[in-house]
C-alpha atoms as a PDB file:
ATOM      1  CA  UNK A   1     203.015 101.878  92.394  1.00  0.00           C
ATOM      2  CA  UNK A   2     200.971 101.980  95.576  1.00  0.00           C
ATOM      3  CA  UNK A   3     197.445 100.018  95.468  1.00  0.00           C
ATOM      4  CA  UNK A   4     195.066  99.860  98.108  1.00  0.00           C
ATOM      5  CA  UNK A   5     192.675  96.921  98.855  1.00  0.00           C
ATOM      6  CA  UNK A   6     189.215  96.332 100.156  1.00  0.00           C
ATOM      7  CA  UNK A   7     186.454  94.078 100.454  1.00  0.00           C
ATOM      8  CA  UNK A   8     183.970  93.817 102.121  1.00  0.00           C
ATOM      9  CA  UNK A   9     183.345  92.107 106.146  1.00  0.00           C
ATOM     10  CA  UNK A  10     181.619  88.770 104.100  1.00  0.00           C
ATOM     11  CA  UNK A  11     185.662  87.785 103.639  1.00  0.00           C
ATOM     12  CA  UNK A  12     186.168  86.496 107.064  1.00  0.00           C
ATOM     13  CA  UNK A  13     189.752  87.484 107.051  1.00  0.00           C
ATOM     14  CA  UNK A  14     191.317  87.053 110.295  1.00  0.00           C
ATOM     15  CA  UNK A  15     192.339  90.169 111.957  1.00  0.00           C
ATOM     16  CA  UNK A  16     195.904  89.651 111.865  1.00  0.00           C
ATOM     17  CA  UNK A  17     195.734  89.739 107.976  1.00  0.00           C
ATOM     18  CA  UNK A  18     193.528  92.699 107.617  1.00  0.00           C
ATOM     19  CA  UNK A  19     196.078  94.324 109.538  1.00  0.00           C
ATOM     20  CA  UNK A  20     199.345  92.876 108.198  1.00  0.00           C
ATOM     21  CA  UNK A  21     198.391  93.869 104.699  1.00  0.00           C
ATOM     22  CA  UNK A  22     196.657  97.557 105.121  1.00  0.00           C
ATOM     23  CA  UNK A  23     192.807  95.809 104.038  1.00  0.00           C
ATOM     24  CA  UNK A  24     190.394  98.212 104.197  1.00  0.00           C
ATOM     25  CA  UNK A  25     186.673  96.108 105.344  1.00  0.00           C
ATOM     26  CA  UNK A  26     183.462  97.511 104.474  1.00  0.00           C
ATOM     27  CA  UNK A  27     181.211  96.554 107.180  1.00  0.00           C
ATOM     28  CA  UNK A  28     177.990  94.928 105.904  1.00  0.00           C
ATOM     29  CA  UNK A  29     174.568  95.791 108.060  1.00  0.00           C
ATOM     30  CA  UNK A  30     173.071  92.711 110.343  1.00  0.00           C
ATOM     31  CA  UNK A  31     169.112  93.868 111.376  1.00  0.00           C
ATOM     32  CA  UNK A  32     168.432  92.518 114.511  1.00  0.00           C
ATOM     33  CA  UNK A  33     165.139  92.754 116.101  1.00  0.00           C
ATOM     34  CA  UNK A  34     164.741  96.394 113.932  1.00  0.00           C
ATOM     35  CA  UNK A  35     167.999  97.243 115.430  1.00  0.00           C
ATOM     36  CA  UNK A  36     170.916  97.604 112.920  1.00  0.00           C
ATOM     37  CA  UNK A  37     174.672  96.690 113.305  1.00  0.00           C
ATOM     38  CA  UNK A  38     177.555  97.168 111.696  1.00  0.00           C
ATOM     39  CA  UNK A  39     178.880  93.516 111.186  1.00  0.00           C
ATOM     40  CA  UNK A  40     181.458  93.309 113.451  1.00  0.00           C
ATOM     41  CA  UNK A  41     180.271  95.177 115.785  1.00  0.00           C
ATOM     42  CA  UNK A  42     177.854  95.302 119.234  1.00  0.00           C
ATOM     43  CA  UNK A  43     177.173  91.656 119.209  1.00  0.00           C
ATOM     44  CA  UNK A  44     179.759  89.336 119.096  1.00  0.00           C
ATOM     45  CA  UNK A  45     179.686  85.926 116.392  1.00  0.00           C
ATOM     46  CA  UNK A  46     179.403  83.769 119.713  1.00  0.00           C
ATOM     47  CA  UNK A  47     176.390  85.077 121.189  1.00  0.00           C
ATOM     48  CA  UNK A  48     174.517  85.859 117.435  1.00  0.00           C
ATOM     49  CA  UNK A  49     174.772  82.097 117.044  1.00  0.00           C
ATOM     50  CA  UNK A  50     173.647  81.380 120.961  1.00  0.00           C
ATOM     51  CA  UNK A  51     170.423  83.126 120.269  1.00  0.00           C
ATOM     52  CA  UNK A  52     169.947  82.333 116.170  1.00  0.00           C
ATOM     53  CA  UNK A  53     167.694  79.182 116.520  1.00  0.00           C
ATOM     54  CA  UNK A  54     165.884  80.822 119.526  1.00  0.00           C
ATOM     55  CA  UNK A  55     165.029  84.071 118.065  1.00  0.00           C
ATOM     56  CA  UNK A  56     160.718  84.826 117.239  1.00  0.00           C
ATOM     57  CA  UNK A  57     162.002  87.661 114.547  1.00  0.00           C
ATOM     58  CA  UNK A  58     164.509  86.127 111.974  1.00  0.00           C
ATOM     59  CA  UNK A  59     167.243  88.392 111.497  1.00  0.00           C
ATOM     60  CA  UNK A  60     168.329  89.879 107.892  1.00  0.00           C
ATOM     61  CA  UNK A  61     171.252  91.538 106.549  1.00  0.00           C
ATOM     62  CA  UNK A  62     171.457  94.653 104.175  1.00  0.00           C
ATOM     63  CA  UNK A  63     174.663  95.786 101.627  1.00  0.00           C
ATOM     64  CA  UNK A  64     176.356  98.140 103.131  1.00  0.00           C
ATOM     65  CA  UNK A  65     175.859 102.441 101.811  1.00  0.00           C
ATOM     66  CA  UNK A  66     177.885 103.834  98.725  1.00  0.00           C
ATOM     67  CA  UNK A  67     179.354 106.109 101.726  1.00  0.00           C
ATOM     68  CA  UNK A  68     180.757 103.696 103.168  1.00  0.00           C
ATOM     69  CA  UNK A  69     182.621 102.178  99.913  1.00  0.00           C
ATOM     70  CA  UNK A  70     183.664 106.057  98.876  1.00  0.00           C
ATOM     71  CA  UNK A  71     185.010 106.769 102.764  1.00  0.00           C
ATOM     72  CA  UNK A  72     187.947 103.315 102.564  1.00  0.00           C
ATOM     73  CA  UNK A  73     188.823 104.439  98.806  1.00  0.00           C
ATOM     74  CA  UNK A  74     189.170 107.992  99.694  1.00  0.00           C
ATOM     75  CA  UNK A  75     191.330 106.605 103.053  1.00  0.00           C
ATOM     76  CA  UNK A  76     193.461 104.862 100.999  1.00  0.00           C
ATOM     77  CA  UNK A  77     194.421 107.310  98.694  1.00  0.00           C
ATOM     78  CA  UNK A  78     195.216 109.832 101.420  1.00  0.00           C
ATOM     79  CA  UNK A  79     197.805 107.109 102.553  1.00  0.00           C
ATOM     80  CA  UNK A  80     199.117 107.891  98.747  1.00  0.00           C
ATOM     81  CA  UNK A  81     197.220 104.822  97.176  1.00  0.00           C
ATOM     82  CA  UNK A  82     197.760 105.339  93.450  1.00  0.00           C
ATOM     83  CA  UNK A  83     195.319 102.479  92.952  1.00  0.00           C
ATOM     84  CA  UNK A  84     192.511 100.453  94.737  1.00  0.00           C
ATOM     85  CA  UNK A  85     191.235  96.894  93.922  1.00  0.00           C
ATOM     86  CA  UNK A  86     187.894  96.287  95.073  1.00  0.00           C
ATOM     87  CA  UNK A  87     186.867  92.615  95.359  1.00  0.00           C
ATOM     88  CA  UNK A  88     183.869  91.741  96.788  1.00  0.00           C
ATOM     89  CA  UNK A  89     180.651  89.055  97.766  1.00  0.00           C
ATOM     90  CA  UNK A  90     179.236  87.414  94.475  1.00  0.00           C
ATOM     91  CA  UNK A  91     177.124  89.827  92.956  1.00  0.00           C
ATOM     92  CA  UNK A  92     174.227  87.266  92.339  1.00  0.00           C
ATOM     93  CA  UNK A  93     173.909  86.715  96.285  1.00  0.00           C
ATOM     94  CA  UNK A  94     174.470  90.569  96.934  1.00  0.00           C
ATOM     95  CA  UNK A  95     174.025  94.087  95.704  1.00  0.00           C
ATOM     96  CA  UNK A  96     177.947  95.090  97.498  1.00  0.00           C
ATOM     97  CA  UNK A  97     179.156  94.924  94.211  1.00  0.00           C
ATOM     98  CA  UNK A  98     176.763  96.997  92.290  1.00  0.00           C
ATOM     99  CA  UNK A  99     177.234  99.334  95.363  1.00  0.00           C
ATOM    100  CA  UNK A 100     180.863  99.389  94.858  1.00  0.00           C
ATOM    101  CA  UNK A 101     180.394 100.162  91.493  1.00  0.00           C
ATOM    102  CA  UNK A 102     178.342 103.065  92.074  1.00  0.00           C
ATOM    103  CA  UNK A 103     180.936 104.008  94.338  1.00  0.00           C
ATOM    104  CA  UNK A 104     183.872 103.832  92.692  1.00  0.00           C
ATOM    105  CA  UNK A 105     182.598 106.092  89.643  1.00  0.00           C
ATOM    106  CA  UNK A 106     183.669 109.258  91.742  1.00  0.00           C
ATOM    107  CA  UNK A 107     187.527 108.294  91.256  1.00  0.00           C
ATOM    108  CA  UNK A 108     188.079 108.640  87.749  1.00  0.00           C
ATOM    109  CA  UNK A 109     189.177 104.868  86.993  1.00  0.00           C
ATOM    110  CA  UNK A 110     191.331 104.534  90.102  1.00  0.00           C
ATOM    111  CA  UNK A 111     189.348 101.976  91.520  1.00  0.00           C
ATOM    112  CA  UNK A 112     189.344  98.361  89.967  1.00  0.00           C
ATOM    113  CA  UNK A 113     185.678  96.805  91.085  1.00  0.00           C
ATOM    114  CA  UNK A 114     185.682  92.691  91.178  1.00  0.00           C
ATOM    115  CA  UNK A 115     183.160  90.140  92.006  1.00  0.00           C
ATOM    116  CA  UNK A 116     184.601  87.684  93.479  1.00  0.00           C
ATOM    117  CA  UNK A 117     181.511  84.987  92.607  1.00  0.00           C
ATOM    118  CA  UNK A 118     182.232  83.547  96.245  1.00  0.00           C
ATOM    119  CA  UNK A 119     181.547  84.042 100.173  1.00  0.00           C
ATOM    120  CA  UNK A 120     183.475  83.958 103.545  1.00  0.00           C
ATOM    121  CA  UNK A 121     187.005  82.867 102.907  1.00  0.00           C
ATOM    122  CA  UNK A 122     185.979  81.917  99.200  1.00  0.00           C
ATOM    123  CA  UNK A 123     186.723  85.636  98.513  1.00  0.00           C
ATOM    124  CA  UNK A 124     188.892  86.465 101.383  1.00  0.00           C
ATOM    125  CA  UNK A 125     191.105  83.776  99.684  1.00  0.00           C
ATOM    126  CA  UNK A 126     191.023  86.505  96.331  1.00  0.00           C
ATOM    127  CA  UNK A 127     191.679  89.387  98.380  1.00  0.00           C
ATOM    128  CA  UNK A 128     194.833  87.472 100.316  1.00  0.00           C
ATOM    129  CA  UNK A 129     196.382  87.209  96.886  1.00  0.00           C
ATOM    130  CA  UNK A 130     195.589  90.540  95.746  1.00  0.00           C
ATOM    131  CA  UNK A 131     197.206  91.760  98.845  1.00  0.00           C
ATOM    132  CA  UNK A 132     200.237  90.150  98.442  1.00  0.00           C
ATOM    133  CA  UNK A 133     201.147  90.242  95.071  1.00  0.00           C
ATOM    134  CA  UNK A 134     200.054  94.436  95.656  1.00  0.00           C
ATOM    135  CA  UNK A 135     203.744  95.477  95.648  1.00  0.00           C
ATOM    136  CA  UNK A 136     204.064  93.728  92.098  1.00  0.00           C
ATOM    137  CA  UNK A 137     201.308  96.561  90.665  1.00  0.00           C
ATOM    138  CA  UNK A 138     198.286  96.171  89.509  1.00  0.00           C
ATOM    139  CA  UNK A 139     198.335  93.484  86.641  1.00  0.00           C
ATOM    140  CA  UNK A 140     200.097  91.095  89.321  1.00  0.00           C
ATOM    141  CA  UNK A 141     197.163  91.903  91.816  1.00  0.00           C
ATOM    142  CA  UNK A 142     194.569  91.363  89.040  1.00  0.00           C
ATOM    143  CA  UNK A 143     196.009  87.844  87.935  1.00  0.00           C
ATOM    144  CA  UNK A 144     196.448  87.070  91.307  1.00  0.00           C
ATOM    145  CA  UNK A 145     192.718  87.248  92.268  1.00  0.00           C
ATOM    146  CA  UNK A 146     191.632  85.622  88.784  1.00  0.00           C
ATOM    147  CA  UNK A 147     194.138  82.408  89.081  1.00  0.00           C
ATOM    148  CA  UNK A 148     193.161  81.820  93.172  1.00  0.00           C
ATOM    149  CA  UNK A 149     189.314  82.166  91.752  1.00  0.00           C
ATOM    150  CA  UNK A 150     189.604  79.697  89.209  1.00  0.00           C
ATOM    151  CA  UNK A 151     191.282  76.823  91.249  1.00  0.00           C
ATOM    152  CA  UNK A 152     188.754  77.664  94.288  1.00  0.00           C
ATOM    153  CA  UNK A 153     186.050  75.308  95.544  1.00  0.00           C
ATOM    154  CA  UNK A 154     183.367  76.007  98.227  1.00  0.00           C
ATOM    155  CA  UNK A 155     181.773  73.563  99.956  1.00  0.00           C
ATOM    156  CA  UNK A 156     179.241  73.158 103.483  1.00  0.00           C
ATOM    157  CA  UNK A 157     177.045  71.216 104.784  1.00  0.00           C
ATOM    158  CA  UNK A 158     174.296  73.073 106.095  1.00  0.00           C
ATOM    159  CA  UNK A 159     172.482  71.564 109.629  1.00  0.00           C
ATOM    160  CA  UNK A 160     168.710  72.816 108.144  1.00  0.00           C
ATOM    161  CA  UNK A 161     167.260  73.528 105.035  1.00  0.00           C
ATOM    162  CA  UNK A 162     165.031  76.648 107.070  1.00  0.00           C
ATOM    163  CA  UNK A 163     167.704  79.667 106.948  1.00  0.00           C
ATOM    164  CA  UNK A 164     168.342  79.455 103.178  1.00  0.00           C
ATOM    165  CA  UNK A 165     164.748  79.014 102.177  1.00  0.00           C
ATOM    166  CA  UNK A 166     163.879  82.130 104.226  1.00  0.00           C
ATOM    167  CA  UNK A 167     166.588  83.822 102.671  1.00  0.00           C
ATOM    168  CA  UNK A 168     165.421  83.964  99.212  1.00  0.00           C
ATOM    169  CA  UNK A 169     168.680  83.593  97.591  1.00  0.00           C
ATOM    170  CA  UNK A 170     168.169  79.770  96.723  1.00  0.00           C
ATOM    171  CA  UNK A 171     168.608  78.275  93.304  1.00  0.00           C
ATOM    172  CA  UNK A 172     166.090  75.710  91.512  1.00  0.00           C
ATOM    173  CA  UNK A 173     168.351  73.074  92.479  1.00  0.00           C
ATOM    174  CA  UNK A 174     168.116  73.749  95.479  1.00  0.00           C
ATOM    175  CA  UNK A 175     164.349  74.002  96.102  1.00  0.00           C
ATOM    176  CA  UNK A 176     164.441  70.147  96.319  1.00  0.00           C
ATOM    177  CA  UNK A 177     165.110  70.451 100.113  1.00  0.00           C
ATOM    178  CA  UNK A 178     161.840  72.325 100.646  1.00  0.00           C
ATOM    179  CA  UNK A 179     159.657  69.388 101.397  1.00  0.00           C
ATOM    180  CA  UNK A 180     162.429  67.286 103.064  1.00  0.00           C
ATOM    181  CA  UNK A 181     162.243  66.750 106.967  1.00  0.00           C
ATOM    182  CA  UNK A 182     165.913  66.151 109.217  1.00  0.00           C
ATOM    183  CA  UNK A 183     168.079  66.436 106.354  1.00  0.00           C
ATOM    184  CA  UNK A 184     171.670  67.999 106.053  1.00  0.00           C
ATOM    185  CA  UNK A 185     171.960  69.766 102.577  1.00  0.00           C
ATOM    186  CA  UNK A 186     175.128  69.548 101.095  1.00  0.00           C
ATOM    187  CA  UNK A 187     175.816  72.674  98.775  1.00  0.00           C
ATOM    188  CA  UNK A 188     178.603  73.980  96.351  1.00  0.00           C
ATOM    189  CA  UNK A 189     178.657  77.733  96.101  1.00  0.00           C
ATOM    190  CA  UNK A 190     180.548  78.127  92.365  1.00  0.00           C
ATOM    191  CA  UNK A 191     180.846  80.953  89.958  1.00  0.00           C
ATOM    192  CA  UNK A 192     178.344  82.942  92.394  1.00  0.00           C
ATOM    193  CA  UNK A 193     175.462  80.335  92.469  1.00  0.00           C
ATOM    194  CA  UNK A 194     174.388  77.643  95.397  1.00  0.00           C
ATOM    195  CA  UNK A 195     174.337  74.385  93.818  1.00  0.00           C
ATOM    196  CA  UNK A 196     172.714  71.525  95.509  1.00  0.00           C
ATOM    197  CA  UNK A 197     175.094  68.630  95.243  1.00  0.00           C
ATOM    198  CA  UNK A 198     173.206  66.300  97.952  1.00  0.00           C
ATOM    199  CA  UNK A 199     172.214  65.674 101.271  1.00  0.00           C
ATOM    200  CA  UNK A 200     172.568  63.432 104.241  1.00  0.00           C
ATOM    201  CA  UNK A 201     171.247  62.163 107.381  1.00  0.00           C
ATOM    202  CA  UNK A 202     173.729  62.972 110.084  1.00  0.00           C
ATOM    203  CA  UNK A 203     176.270  65.105 110.515  1.00  0.00           C
ATOM    204  CA  UNK A 204     178.745  62.220 110.631  1.00  0.00           C
ATOM    205  CA  UNK A 205     177.568  61.272 107.098  1.00  0.00           C
ATOM    206  CA  UNK A 206     177.665  65.087 105.913  1.00  0.00           C
ATOM    207  CA  UNK A 207     181.095  65.578 107.132  1.00  0.00           C
ATOM    208  CA  UNK A 208     181.771  61.525 105.286  1.00  0.00           C
ATOM    209  CA  UNK A 209     180.730  63.167 101.448  1.00  0.00           C
ATOM    210  CA  UNK A 210     182.611  66.567 102.060  1.00  0.00           C
ATOM    211  CA  UNK A 211     185.521  64.135 103.008  1.00  0.00           C
ATOM    212  CA  UNK A 212     185.637  62.717  99.016  1.00  0.00           C
ATOM    213  CA  UNK A 213     186.929  66.174  97.628  1.00  0.00           C
ATOM    214  CA  UNK A 214     190.054  65.528  99.033  1.00  0.00           C
ATOM    215  CA  UNK A 215     190.498  62.217  97.827  1.00  0.00           C
ATOM    216  CA  UNK A 216     191.415  63.264  94.700  1.00  0.00           C
ATOM    217  CA  UNK A 217     194.794  63.262  95.459  1.00  0.00           C
ATOM    218  CA  UNK A 218     195.428  67.041  94.685  1.00  0.00           C
ATOM    219  CA  UNK A 219     197.338  69.512  96.945  1.00  0.00           C
ATOM    220  CA  UNK A 220     195.930  72.432  98.296  1.00  0.00           C
ATOM    221  CA  UNK A 221     197.754  75.772  98.320  1.00  0.00           C
ATOM    222  CA  UNK A 222     195.146  77.232 100.885  1.00  0.00           C
ATOM    223  CA  UNK A 223     192.407  75.757 102.987  1.00  0.00           C
ATOM    224  CA  UNK A 224     189.701  77.168 105.482  1.00  0.00           C
ATOM    225  CA  UNK A 225     187.420  75.123 107.409  1.00  0.00           C
ATOM    226  CA  UNK A 226     184.391  77.670 108.137  1.00  0.00           C
ATOM    227  CA  UNK A 227     181.405  76.764 110.650  1.00  0.00           C
ATOM    228  CA  UNK A 228     178.180  78.914 112.086  1.00  0.00           C
ATOM    229  CA  UNK A 229     178.123  78.488 115.657  1.00  0.00           C
ATOM    230  CA  UNK A 230     179.913  75.005 115.903  1.00  0.00           C
ATOM    231  CA  UNK A 231     183.610  74.760 116.286  1.00  0.00           C
ATOM    232  CA  UNK A 232     183.448  71.825 117.713  1.00  0.00           C
ATOM    233  CA  UNK A 233     182.020  69.843 115.329  1.00  0.00           C
ATOM    234  CA  UNK A 234     184.786  72.350 112.054  1.00  0.00           C
ATOM    235  CA  UNK A 235     187.316  70.916 114.676  1.00  0.00           C
ATOM    236  CA  UNK A 236     186.121  67.614 114.396  1.00  0.00           C
ATOM    237  CA  UNK A 237     185.717  67.679 110.432  1.00  0.00           C
ATOM    238  CA  UNK A 238     189.520  69.173 110.171  1.00  0.00           C
ATOM    239  CA  UNK A 239     191.189  66.246 112.023  1.00  0.00           C
ATOM    240  CA  UNK A 240     189.229  63.827 110.058  1.00  0.00           C
ATOM    241  CA  UNK A 241     190.772  65.512 106.635  1.00  0.00           C
ATOM    242  CA  UNK A 242     194.616  65.873 108.525  1.00  0.00           C
ATOM    243  CA  UNK A 243     194.428  62.529 109.448  1.00  0.00           C
ATOM    244  CA  UNK A 244     193.680  60.413 106.296  1.00  0.00           C
ATOM    245  CA  UNK A 245     194.949  63.569 104.000  1.00  0.00           C
ATOM    246  CA  UNK A 246     197.116  65.857 105.805  1.00  0.00           C
ATOM    247  CA  UNK A 247     199.853  65.484 103.542  1.00  0.00           C
ATOM    248  CA  UNK A 248     198.473  67.269 100.574  1.00  0.00           C
ATOM    249  CA  UNK A 249     197.053  69.939 102.732  1.00  0.00           C
ATOM    250  CA  UNK A 250     198.673  73.705 103.554  1.00  0.00           C
ATOM    251  CA  UNK A 251     200.755  74.353 106.882  1.00  0.00           C
ATOM    252  CA  UNK A 252     198.416  76.998 108.192  1.00  0.00           C
ATOM    253  CA  UNK A 253     195.096  75.943 107.924  1.00  0.00           C
ATOM    254  CA  UNK A 254     192.293  78.374 108.674  1.00  0.00           C
ATOM    255  CA  UNK A 255     189.852  78.090 111.214  1.00  0.00           C
ATOM    256  CA  UNK A 256     186.410  80.314 110.797  1.00  0.00           C
ATOM    257  CA  UNK A 257     182.990  81.160 112.853  1.00  0.00           C
ATOM    258  CA  UNK A 258     181.603  82.997 109.866  1.00  0.00           C
ATOM    259  CA  UNK A 259     179.868  86.150 110.125  1.00  0.00           C
ATOM    260  CA  UNK A 260     176.503  87.087 111.274  1.00  0.00           C
ATOM    261  CA  UNK A 261     175.821  88.442 108.012  1.00  0.00           C
ATOM    262  CA  UNK A 262     176.681  84.483 106.274  1.00  0.00           C
ATOM    263  CA  UNK A 263     175.041  82.861 108.996  1.00  0.00           C
ATOM    264  CA  UNK A 264     171.739  84.873 108.697  1.00  0.00           C
ATOM    265  CA  UNK A 265     170.947  82.973 105.831  1.00  0.00           C
ATOM    266  CA  UNK A 266     172.337  79.632 106.392  1.00  0.00           C
ATOM    267  CA  UNK A 267     171.605  79.177 109.622  1.00  0.00           C
ATOM    268  CA  UNK A 268     173.447  77.936 112.874  1.00  0.00           C
ATOM    269  CA  UNK A 269     175.662  74.395 112.843  1.00  0.00           C
ATOM    270  CA  UNK A 270     176.531  74.437 109.117  1.00  0.00           C
ATOM    271  CA  UNK A 271     180.200  73.901 108.573  1.00  0.00           C
ATOM    272  CA  UNK A 272     182.312  74.004 105.306  1.00  0.00           C
ATOM    273  CA  UNK A 273     185.397  74.645 103.724  1.00  0.00           C
ATOM    274  CA  UNK A 274     187.548  76.976 101.259  1.00  0.00           C
ATOM    275  CA  UNK A 275     189.857  75.310  99.145  1.00  0.00           C
ATOM    276  CA  UNK A 276     192.687  76.862  96.370  1.00  0.00           C
ATOM    277  CA  UNK A 277     194.601  74.305  94.685  1.00  0.00           C
ATOM    278  CA  UNK A 278     198.062  74.412  94.282  1.00  0.00           C
END
């Protein structure tokens, strides 16, 4: 059985992996000064983050249309896929899963839509697991997604709380940061919910707090370091964990500047990681 894989652009998968596995990516919508951009087109990630903090009107985002999902599903069926697995950003944070379900109804049960309960490489690693197991059948691919989700952790240190506050996607636990200035909120995305896990006064302290996760002695099958326009800080964090915990880490570690659709809501200069336990 030939199985096709679909995700959305918040998965942050590198282009070479998308091409290698023939993954269809539905672009989210980025709105800057009233102009709509398909995520990944019209403005580079570097340029977006260079201008984000100085923008007079904050950018906004929107989910893709039902037609965009329908088009990707049909393309895969036209390529002789018998089933499609469609894995998307956390339903608690976006309407993409709901929109994908609506499009999937038109294909007589041949499309399985999954809520990753995550974002960025937390989503991307689930998509990659499905793609790697697709040749072994639908059940194997679905089990790979579930196994990855169970072993996944995603943390981030924001440079400011302001963008998260503007986004409206703030849980009650995150509201504690609303009145605090000059702090770096530390958050975890777990089961689709953004949770506050602490705060730091400096980026150095924030990096040290995030490093604590790797002191458990567990090994990791996958790891991605993510940042929103601050590659230098991301590389510093990666160098730190490599020096202290390198034997626990996978050989191939991704370093990703997250899509502007995510950056709009977390702000510039954030650093985080997605890790899948072995």
